[in-house]
């Protein structure tokens, strides 16, 4: 699929600021899909958003800029950290998903 669009890269990210409760994951997923990227996004217990993005170098760089400076309309990004950036031979994901974590158990009364 993506082998014909140039070098593929993978990068992990963490976004800090007001990024939970403002549809940040939903907008991140939509932006990644619009750019043709794969990976995942999830909330953390420290009120940040983290994930992995993979795809062509140019598109990943566009997504990195979006994560640093735009985000969802109601988010307020204070900083974004990128780690483990590397070239990959093939994509490790088939789509871009929202990781909602473990399901909370309902307590029956």
C-alpha atoms as a PDB file:
ATOM      1  CA  UNK A   1       0.000   0.000   0.000  1.00  0.00           C
ATOM      2  CA  UNK A   2       2.265   2.784   1.256  1.00  0.00           C
ATOM      3  CA  UNK A   3       5.586   1.511  -0.101  1.00  0.00           C
ATOM      4  CA  UNK A   4       5.216   3.611  -3.243  1.00  0.00           C
ATOM      5  CA  UNK A   5       4.883   6.930  -1.389  1.00  0.00           C
ATOM      6  CA  UNK A   6       8.462   7.220  -0.176  1.00  0.00           C
ATOM      7  CA  UNK A   7      10.144   6.540   3.136  1.00  0.00           C
ATOM      8  CA  UNK A   8       7.904   5.309   5.914  1.00  0.00           C
ATOM      9  CA  UNK A   9       8.436   6.503   9.451  1.00  0.00           C
ATOM     10  CA  UNK A  10       6.980   5.749  12.850  1.00  0.00           C
ATOM     11  CA  UNK A  11       6.920   8.113  15.805  1.00  0.00           C
ATOM     12  CA  UNK A  12       5.437   8.038  19.313  1.00  0.00           C
ATOM     13  CA  UNK A  13       3.909  11.217  20.720  1.00  0.00           C
ATOM     14  CA  UNK A  14       2.496  12.683  23.916  1.00  0.00           C
ATOM     15  CA  UNK A  15       0.420  15.851  23.956  1.00  0.00           C
ATOM     16  CA  UNK A  16       0.180  18.002  27.094  1.00  0.00           C
ATOM     17  CA  UNK A  17      -2.357  20.676  28.031  1.00  0.00           C
ATOM     18  CA  UNK A  18      -6.145  20.651  27.906  1.00  0.00           C
ATOM     19  CA  UNK A  19      -6.463  17.588  25.692  1.00  0.00           C
ATOM     20  CA  UNK A  20      -8.985  15.409  27.521  1.00  0.00           C
ATOM     21  CA  UNK A  21     -12.717  16.052  27.453  1.00  0.00           C
ATOM     22  CA  UNK A  22     -12.360  18.179  24.287  1.00  0.00           C
ATOM     23  CA  UNK A  23     -12.715  15.448  21.614  1.00  0.00           C
ATOM     24  CA  UNK A  24      -8.948  15.458  21.025  1.00  0.00           C
ATOM     25  CA  UNK A  25      -8.803  11.711  20.270  1.00  0.00           C
ATOM     26  CA  UNK A  26     -11.680  11.921  17.785  1.00  0.00           C
ATOM     27  CA  UNK A  27     -10.121  14.862  15.921  1.00  0.00           C
ATOM     28  CA  UNK A  28      -6.697  13.182  15.992  1.00  0.00           C
ATOM     29  CA  UNK A  29      -8.170  10.044  14.455  1.00  0.00           C
ATOM     30  CA  UNK A  30      -9.931  12.055  11.746  1.00  0.00           C
ATOM     31  CA  UNK A  31      -6.816  14.074  10.896  1.00  0.00           C
ATOM     32  CA  UNK A  32      -4.698  10.916  10.692  1.00  0.00           C
ATOM     33  CA  UNK A  33      -7.258   9.281   8.403  1.00  0.00           C
ATOM     34  CA  UNK A  34      -7.398  12.399   6.212  1.00  0.00           C
ATOM     35  CA  UNK A  35      -3.603  12.221   5.857  1.00  0.00           C
ATOM     36  CA  UNK A  36      -3.617   8.464   5.201  1.00  0.00           C
ATOM     37  CA  UNK A  37      -1.708   7.636   8.391  1.00  0.00           C
ATOM     38  CA  UNK A  38      -2.067   4.631  10.681  1.00  0.00           C
ATOM     39  CA  UNK A  39      -1.511   4.153  14.406  1.00  0.00           C
ATOM     40  CA  UNK A  40      -3.459   4.869  17.554  1.00  0.00           C
ATOM     41  CA  UNK A  41      -4.332   7.476  20.196  1.00  0.00           C
ATOM     42  CA  UNK A  42      -5.413   7.188  23.839  1.00  0.00           C
ATOM     43  CA  UNK A  43      -5.898   9.192  27.016  1.00  0.00           C
ATOM     44  CA  UNK A  44      -3.453   8.669  29.874  1.00  0.00           C
ATOM     45  CA  UNK A  45      -4.023   8.767  33.611  1.00  0.00           C
ATOM     46  CA  UNK A  46      -1.843  11.908  33.777  1.00  0.00           C
ATOM     47  CA  UNK A  47      -4.343  13.864  31.634  1.00  0.00           C
ATOM     48  CA  UNK A  48      -2.256  13.741  28.467  1.00  0.00           C
ATOM     49  CA  UNK A  49      -2.906  12.051  25.143  1.00  0.00           C
ATOM     50  CA  UNK A  50      -0.407   9.571  23.744  1.00  0.00           C
ATOM     51  CA  UNK A  51      -0.051   7.394  20.690  1.00  0.00           C
ATOM     52  CA  UNK A  52       1.871   6.317  17.619  1.00  0.00           C
ATOM     53  CA  UNK A  53       1.666   7.578  14.037  1.00  0.00           C
ATOM     54  CA  UNK A  54       3.058   5.845  10.980  1.00  0.00           C
ATOM     55  CA  UNK A  55       3.142   6.694   7.308  1.00  0.00           C
ATOM     56  CA  UNK A  56       5.090   8.634   4.725  1.00  0.00           C
ATOM     57  CA  UNK A  57       7.604  11.081   6.156  1.00  0.00           C
ATOM     58  CA  UNK A  58       5.864  14.149   4.716  1.00  0.00           C
ATOM     59  CA  UNK A  59       2.427  13.183   6.024  1.00  0.00           C
ATOM     60  CA  UNK A  60       3.801  12.269   9.450  1.00  0.00           C
ATOM     61  CA  UNK A  61       5.472  15.690   9.615  1.00  0.00           C
ATOM     62  CA  UNK A  62       2.123  17.338   8.793  1.00  0.00           C
ATOM     63  CA  UNK A  63       0.502  15.348  11.613  1.00  0.00           C
ATOM     64  CA  UNK A  64       3.295  16.297  14.024  1.00  0.00           C
ATOM     65  CA  UNK A  65       2.650  19.980  13.269  1.00  0.00           C
ATOM     66  CA  UNK A  66      -1.098  19.461  13.802  1.00  0.00           C
ATOM     67  CA  UNK A  67      -0.459  17.727  17.160  1.00  0.00           C
ATOM     68  CA  UNK A  68       1.841  20.548  18.297  1.00  0.00           C
ATOM     69  CA  UNK A  69      -0.143  23.561  17.133  1.00  0.00           C
ATOM     70  CA  UNK A  70      -3.776  22.764  16.286  1.00  0.00           C
ATOM     71  CA  UNK A  71      -5.510  19.782  17.893  1.00  0.00           C
ATOM     72  CA  UNK A  72      -9.243  19.790  18.447  1.00  0.00           C
ATOM     73  CA  UNK A  73     -11.085  23.135  18.414  1.00  0.00           C
ATOM     74  CA  UNK A  74     -11.449  23.290  22.226  1.00  0.00           C
ATOM     75  CA  UNK A  75      -8.017  21.899  23.134  1.00  0.00           C
ATOM     76  CA  UNK A  76      -5.210  24.039  24.525  1.00  0.00           C
ATOM     77  CA  UNK A  77      -1.883  22.389  23.726  1.00  0.00           C
ATOM     78  CA  UNK A  78       1.002  23.449  25.953  1.00  0.00           C
ATOM     79  CA  UNK A  79       3.566  21.095  24.417  1.00  0.00           C
ATOM     80  CA  UNK A  80       3.972  17.916  22.420  1.00  0.00           C
ATOM     81  CA  UNK A  81       6.843  15.457  22.758  1.00  0.00           C
ATOM     82  CA  UNK A  82       7.951  13.045  20.049  1.00  0.00           C
ATOM     83  CA  UNK A  83      10.029   9.952  20.785  1.00  0.00           C
ATOM     84  CA  UNK A  84      11.300   6.828  19.056  1.00  0.00           C
ATOM     85  CA  UNK A  85      11.158   8.283  15.559  1.00  0.00           C
ATOM     86  CA  UNK A  86      12.463   5.686  13.133  1.00  0.00           C
ATOM     87  CA  UNK A  87      12.254   4.520   9.545  1.00  0.00           C
ATOM     88  CA  UNK A  88      10.162   1.373   9.067  1.00  0.00           C
ATOM     89  CA  UNK A  89       9.999  -1.041   6.159  1.00  0.00           C
ATOM     90  CA  UNK A  90       6.254  -1.520   6.473  1.00  0.00           C
ATOM     91  CA  UNK A  91       3.327  -0.175   8.478  1.00  0.00           C
ATOM     92  CA  UNK A  92       2.588  -2.005  11.726  1.00  0.00           C
ATOM     93  CA  UNK A  93      -1.101  -0.985  11.852  1.00  0.00           C
ATOM     94  CA  UNK A  94      -3.926  -1.332   9.347  1.00  0.00           C
ATOM     95  CA  UNK A  95      -5.797   1.836  10.392  1.00  0.00           C
ATOM     96  CA  UNK A  96      -5.796   4.636  12.975  1.00  0.00           C
ATOM     97  CA  UNK A  97      -7.710   3.660  16.097  1.00  0.00           C
ATOM     98  CA  UNK A  98      -8.772   5.173  19.391  1.00  0.00           C
ATOM     99  CA  UNK A  99      -7.606   3.025  22.299  1.00  0.00           C
ATOM    100  CA  UNK A 100     -10.279   3.446  24.929  1.00  0.00           C
ATOM    101  CA  UNK A 101      -8.447   1.318  27.498  1.00  0.00           C
ATOM    102  CA  UNK A 102     -10.039  -1.318  29.672  1.00  0.00           C
ATOM    103  CA  UNK A 103     -13.793  -1.215  29.980  1.00  0.00           C
ATOM    104  CA  UNK A 104     -15.090  -0.079  33.346  1.00  0.00           C
ATOM    105  CA  UNK A 105     -17.158  -2.726  35.047  1.00  0.00           C
ATOM    106  CA  UNK A 106     -20.713  -1.778  35.855  1.00  0.00           C
ATOM    107  CA  UNK A 107     -21.695  -2.399  39.435  1.00  0.00           C
ATOM    108  CA  UNK A 108     -25.051  -4.105  39.739  1.00  0.00           C
ATOM    109  CA  UNK A 109     -27.218  -3.233  42.681  1.00  0.00           C
END
